[in-house]
C-alpha atoms as a PDB file:
ATOM      1  CA  MET A   1      -0.237  -0.052   0.090  1.00  0.00           C
ATOM      2  CA  ILE A   2       1.185   3.046  -0.707  1.00  0.00           C
ATOM      3  CA  PHE A   3       0.185   6.076   1.629  1.00  0.00           C
ATOM      4  CA  ASN A   4       1.072   9.545   0.717  1.00  0.00           C
ATOM      5  CA  ALA A   5       1.561  12.608   3.759  1.00  0.00           C
ATOM      6  CA  ILE A   6      -1.769  14.238   3.808  1.00  0.00           C
ATOM      7  CA  ASP A   7      -0.643  17.703   2.925  1.00  0.00           C
ATOM      8  CA  ILE A   8      -3.158  20.261   5.031  1.00  0.00           C
ATOM      9  CA  CYS A   9      -3.042  23.949   4.862  1.00  0.00           C
ATOM     10  CA  GLN A  10      -3.792  26.157   7.652  1.00  0.00           C
ATOM     11  CA  GLY A  11      -4.817  29.658   8.382  1.00  0.00           C
ATOM     12  CA  LYS A  12      -6.660  32.146   7.297  1.00  0.00           C
ATOM     13  CA  GLY A  13      -5.869  33.365   2.938  1.00  0.00           C
ATOM     14  CA  LYS A  14      -7.670  33.126   0.057  1.00  0.00           C
ATOM     15  CA  PRO A  15      -7.916  29.710  -2.026  1.00  0.00           C
ATOM     16  CA  GLU A  16      -5.492  30.285  -4.506  1.00  0.00           C
ATOM     17  CA  TRP A  17      -2.681  31.287  -2.297  1.00  0.00           C
ATOM     18  CA  LYS A  18      -3.611  27.822   0.138  1.00  0.00           C
ATOM     19  CA  LEU A  19      -3.450  26.311  -3.753  1.00  0.00           C
ATOM     20  CA  ALA A  20      -0.076  27.931  -4.409  1.00  0.00           C
ATOM     21  CA  LEU A  21       1.293  26.460  -1.505  1.00  0.00           C
ATOM     22  CA  LEU A  22       0.477  23.586  -1.092  1.00  0.00           C
ATOM     23  CA  ASP A  23       1.808  22.900  -4.591  1.00  0.00           C
ATOM     24  CA  SER A  24       5.298  24.145  -3.630  1.00  0.00           C
ATOM     25  CA  VAL A  25       5.665  21.984  -0.858  1.00  0.00           C
ATOM     26  CA  LYS A  26       4.827  18.721  -3.238  1.00  0.00           C
ATOM     27  CA  ASP A  27       8.458  18.179  -4.068  1.00  0.00           C
ATOM     28  CA  LEU A  28      10.103  18.464  -0.995  1.00  0.00           C
ATOM     29  CA  THR A  29      12.805  16.285   0.003  1.00  0.00           C
ATOM     30  CA  THR A  30      12.785  14.687   3.574  1.00  0.00           C
ATOM     31  CA  ALA A  31      15.643  16.360   4.629  1.00  0.00           C
ATOM     32  CA  GLU A  32      12.826  19.655   3.656  1.00  0.00           C
ATOM     33  CA  THR A  33      10.136  17.964   5.261  1.00  0.00           C
ATOM     34  CA  MET A  34      11.933  17.666   9.250  1.00  0.00           C
ATOM     35  CA  GLY A  35      12.585  13.842   8.193  1.00  0.00           C
ATOM     36  CA  LEU A  36       8.779  13.244   7.182  1.00  0.00           C
ATOM     37  CA  PRO A  37       8.513  10.926   4.094  1.00  0.00           C
ATOM     38  CA  SER A  38       6.109  12.081   1.066  1.00  0.00           C
ATOM     39  CA  ILE A  39       5.507   8.856   0.148  1.00  0.00           C
ATOM     40  CA  LEU A  40       6.098   5.679   2.133  1.00  0.00           C
ATOM     41  CA  ASN A  41       5.195   2.718   0.667  1.00  0.00           C
ATOM     42  CA  LEU A  42       3.840   0.405   3.678  1.00  0.00           C
ATOM     43  CA  VAL A  43       4.028  -3.149   3.571  1.00  0.00           C
ATOM     44  CA  LYS A  44       3.371  -5.588   6.417  1.00  0.00           C
ATOM     45  CA  THR A  45       6.205  -7.775   7.182  1.00  0.00           C
ATOM     46  CA  ALA A  46       8.977  -5.115   6.370  1.00  0.00           C
ATOM     47  CA  SER A  47      11.483  -4.339   8.298  1.00  0.00           C
ATOM     48  CA  TYR A  48      11.646   0.085   9.037  1.00  0.00           C
ATOM     49  CA  MET A  49      13.598   2.035  10.381  1.00  0.00           C
ATOM     50  CA  LEU A  50      12.369   5.519  12.882  1.00  0.00           C
ATOM     51  CA  THR A  51      14.257   8.473  11.132  1.00  0.00           C
ATOM     52  CA  CYS A  52      13.617  10.307  14.603  1.00  0.00           C
ATOM     53  CA  ASN A  53      13.213  10.030  18.015  1.00  0.00           C
ATOM     54  CA  LEU A  54      10.084   9.806  19.515  1.00  0.00           C
ATOM     55  CA  ASP A  55      10.673   8.891  22.436  1.00  0.00           C
ATOM     56  CA  THR A  56      14.539   7.759  24.020  1.00  0.00           C
ATOM     57  CA  SER A  57      13.519   6.435  27.099  1.00  0.00           C
ATOM     58  CA  ASP A  58      11.674   3.789  25.469  1.00  0.00           C
ATOM     59  CA  GLY A  59      13.555   3.388  22.977  1.00  0.00           C
ATOM     60  CA  LEU A  60      12.060   4.025  20.572  1.00  0.00           C
ATOM     61  CA  VAL A  61      15.152   5.874  18.995  1.00  0.00           C
ATOM     62  CA  ASN A  62      16.192   7.198  15.114  1.00  0.00           C
ATOM     63  CA  GLY A  63      17.834   3.974  13.936  1.00  0.00           C
ATOM     64  CA  ALA A  64      15.384   2.152  15.015  1.00  0.00           C
ATOM     65  CA  VAL A  65      14.426  -0.882  13.311  1.00  0.00           C
ATOM     66  CA  GLY A  66      10.869  -2.846  13.600  1.00  0.00           C
ATOM     67  CA  ILE A  67       8.783  -5.000  11.600  1.00  0.00           C
ATOM     68  CA  LEU A  68       5.463  -3.874  10.580  1.00  0.00           C
ATOM     69  CA  LYS A  69       2.922  -6.604  12.275  1.00  0.00           C
ATOM     70  CA  LYS A  70      -0.601  -4.424  11.688  1.00  0.00           C
ATOM     71  CA  ILE A  71      -1.709  -1.769  10.246  1.00  0.00           C
ATOM     72  CA  SER A  72      -5.084   0.337  11.555  1.00  0.00           C
ATOM     73  CA  TYR A  73      -7.774   2.815   9.782  1.00  0.00           C
ATOM     74  CA  GLY A  74      -9.269   5.979   9.711  1.00  0.00           C
ATOM     75  CA  THR A  75     -10.979   8.027   8.258  1.00  0.00           C
ATOM     76  CA  THR A  76     -10.441  11.499   6.800  1.00  0.00           C
ATOM     77  CA  GLY A  77     -13.627  14.133   6.297  1.00  0.00           C
ATOM     78  CA  GLN A  78     -14.599  12.988   3.164  1.00  0.00           C
ATOM     79  CA  ASN A  79     -14.347   9.410   4.504  1.00  0.00           C
ATOM     80  CA  ASP A  80     -10.775   8.212   2.775  1.00  0.00           C
ATOM     81  CA  LYS A  81      -9.754   5.371   4.932  1.00  0.00           C
ATOM     82  CA  ARG A  82      -6.521   6.044   5.694  1.00  0.00           C
ATOM     83  CA  PRO A  83      -3.749   4.255   7.992  1.00  0.00           C
ATOM     84  CA  ASN A  84      -3.944   6.057  11.050  1.00  0.00           C
ATOM     85  CA  ILE A  85      -2.255   3.967  13.301  1.00  0.00           C
ATOM     86  CA  ALA A  86       0.816   1.680  12.474  1.00  0.00           C
ATOM     87  CA  TRP A  87       2.652  -1.257  14.979  1.00  0.00           C
ATOM     88  CA  LEU A  88       5.793  -2.605  14.937  1.00  0.00           C
ATOM     89  CA  GLU A  89       7.514  -5.858  16.466  1.00  0.00           C
ATOM     90  CA  PHE A  90      10.771  -4.936  17.406  1.00  0.00           C
ATOM     91  CA  LYS A  91      13.414  -7.526  18.122  1.00  0.00           C
ATOM     92  CA  ASP A  92      14.642  -5.865  21.133  1.00  0.00           C
ATOM     93  CA  ASN A  93      10.680  -6.318  23.805  1.00  0.00           C
ATOM     94  CA  SER A  94      12.390  -3.157  25.576  1.00  0.00           C
ATOM     95  CA  VAL A  95      11.572  -0.291  22.939  1.00  0.00           C
ATOM     96  CA  GLY A  96       7.857   0.699  23.334  1.00  0.00           C
ATOM     97  CA  VAL A  97       7.226  -1.377  26.920  1.00  0.00           C
ATOM     98  CA  LYS A  98       6.412   2.426  28.092  1.00  0.00           C
ATOM     99  CA  ARG A  99       4.149   3.325  24.736  1.00  0.00           C
ATOM    100  CA  GLN A 100       2.384   0.164  25.247  1.00  0.00           C
ATOM    101  CA  LYS A 101       1.764   1.053  28.872  1.00  0.00           C
ATOM    102  CA  ILE A 102       0.130   4.635  28.210  1.00  0.00           C
ATOM    103  CA  MET A 103      -2.102   2.574  25.380  1.00  0.00           C
ATOM    104  CA  THR A 104      -2.876  -0.253  27.280  1.00  0.00           C
ATOM    105  CA  ALA A 105      -6.933  -0.246  25.937  1.00  0.00           C
ATOM    106  CA  LEU A 106      -6.197   0.455  22.520  1.00  0.00           C
ATOM    107  CA  LEU A 107      -3.326  -2.813  22.475  1.00  0.00           C
ATOM    108  CA  ARG A 108      -6.830  -4.427  23.968  1.00  0.00           C
ATOM    109  CA  ARG A 109      -9.038  -3.317  21.269  1.00  0.00           C
ATOM    110  CA  GLU A 110      -6.724  -4.275  18.391  1.00  0.00           C
ATOM    111  CA  LYS A 111      -6.144  -7.456  19.946  1.00  0.00           C
ATOM    112  CA  VAL A 112      -2.036  -6.964  20.121  1.00  0.00           C
ATOM    113  CA  LYS A 113      -0.042  -7.174  22.509  1.00  0.00           C
ATOM    114  CA  GLU A 114       3.325  -7.803  21.602  1.00  0.00           C
ATOM    115  CA  LEU A 115       3.388  -4.784  19.118  1.00  0.00           C
ATOM    116  CA  VAL A 116       3.640  -1.460  19.478  1.00  0.00           C
ATOM    117  CA  PRO A 117       1.751   1.934  17.793  1.00  0.00           C
ATOM    118  CA  ILE A 118       3.084   4.472  16.393  1.00  0.00           C
ATOM    119  CA  GLN A 119       0.517   6.690  15.458  1.00  0.00           C
ATOM    120  CA  LEU A 120       1.093   9.572  12.518  1.00  0.00           C
ATOM    121  CA  GLU A 121       2.910  12.261  13.032  1.00  0.00           C
ATOM    122  CA  GLN A 122       1.989  16.229  12.115  1.00  0.00           C
ATOM    123  CA  LYS A 123       4.813  18.776  11.332  1.00  0.00           C
ATOM    124  CA  VAL A 124       4.550  22.039   9.800  1.00  0.00           C
ATOM    125  CA  VAL A 125       6.773  21.748   6.600  1.00  0.00           C
ATOM    126  CA  LYS A 126       6.228  25.630   5.055  1.00  0.00           C
ATOM    127  CA  SER A 127       4.909  28.352   5.826  1.00  0.00           C
ATOM    128  CA  TRP A 128       4.469  32.145   4.310  1.00  0.00           C
ATOM    129  CA  PRO A 129       5.717  34.810   5.882  1.00  0.00           C
ATOM    130  CA  GLY A 130       3.510  37.816   5.965  1.00  0.00           C
ATOM    131  CA  ARG A 131       0.817  35.756   5.636  1.00  0.00           C
ATOM    132  CA  ASP A 132      -0.979  33.583   8.112  1.00  0.00           C
ATOM    133  CA  LEU A 133      -0.771  30.173   6.321  1.00  0.00           C
ATOM    134  CA  LYS A 134       1.061  26.754   7.107  1.00  0.00           C
ATOM    135  CA  VAL A 135       1.056  23.846   5.453  1.00  0.00           C
ATOM    136  CA  LYS A 136       0.889  20.537   8.516  1.00  0.00           C
ATOM    137  CA  PHE A 137       2.516  16.974   7.080  1.00  0.00           C
ATOM    138  CA  ASN A 138       0.767  14.008   8.202  1.00  0.00           C
ATOM    139  CA  GLN A 139       3.055  10.925   8.158  1.00  0.00           C
ATOM    140  CA  TYR A 140       5.047   8.659   9.793  1.00  0.00           C
ATOM    141  CA  TRP A 141       9.083   9.101  11.071  1.00  0.00           C
ATOM    142  CA  TRP A 142      10.034   5.560   9.450  1.00  0.00           C
ATOM    143  CA  PHE A 143      11.218   4.989   5.899  1.00  0.00           C
ATOM    144  CA  GLN A 144      11.646   0.872   4.442  1.00  0.00           C
ATOM    145  CA  SER A 145      14.628  -0.720   5.256  1.00  0.00           C
ATOM    146  CA  MET A 146      14.159  -3.505   3.907  1.00  0.00           C
ATOM    147  CA  ASN A 147      17.561  -3.870   1.262  1.00  0.00           C
ATOM    148  CA  LEU A 148      19.975  -2.573   4.774  1.00  0.00           C
ATOM    149  CA  LEU A 149      23.213  -5.375   4.049  1.00  0.00           C
ATOM    150  CA  TRP A 150      24.285  -4.024   8.107  1.00  0.00           C
ATOM    151  CA  MET A 151      20.135  -5.192   9.612  1.00  0.00           C
ATOM    152  CA  SER A 152      20.156  -7.686  11.762  1.00  0.00           C
ATOM    153  CA  VAL A 153      17.630 -10.752   9.989  1.00  0.00           C
ATOM    154  CA  TYR A 154      14.661 -11.307  12.358  1.00  0.00           C
END
């Protein structure tokens, strides 16, 4: 499943200004979007690497690799089905334990025990100085790492 970042333009302004600002973020690099990829290929059983520190005290750090085991879906305001939680399994069982404890009810509802829930992140990737407009990306902090040669085999 190909998952495109959800771009949201917020603020007050003419519709054409909002469209222009949204159009200007289409070709931003991952470096320009604070590590959020524009497109992410979600494949169950594929390995993924976190590209930022989500919670260092919980082992959810830049470079941590987990296997995508489950995807939970929600709907957008336009009733489009979109992934909203990705469930990863980490080789080191201590990774994500804090997050699992905080989200116990969610783990029970989704019928998962050992998986770590990773939600979409939202970051402002571009703003229009002098106008109250900004574009936010909604995406996961990771990239598919199936082809990393140094990665240990699960």
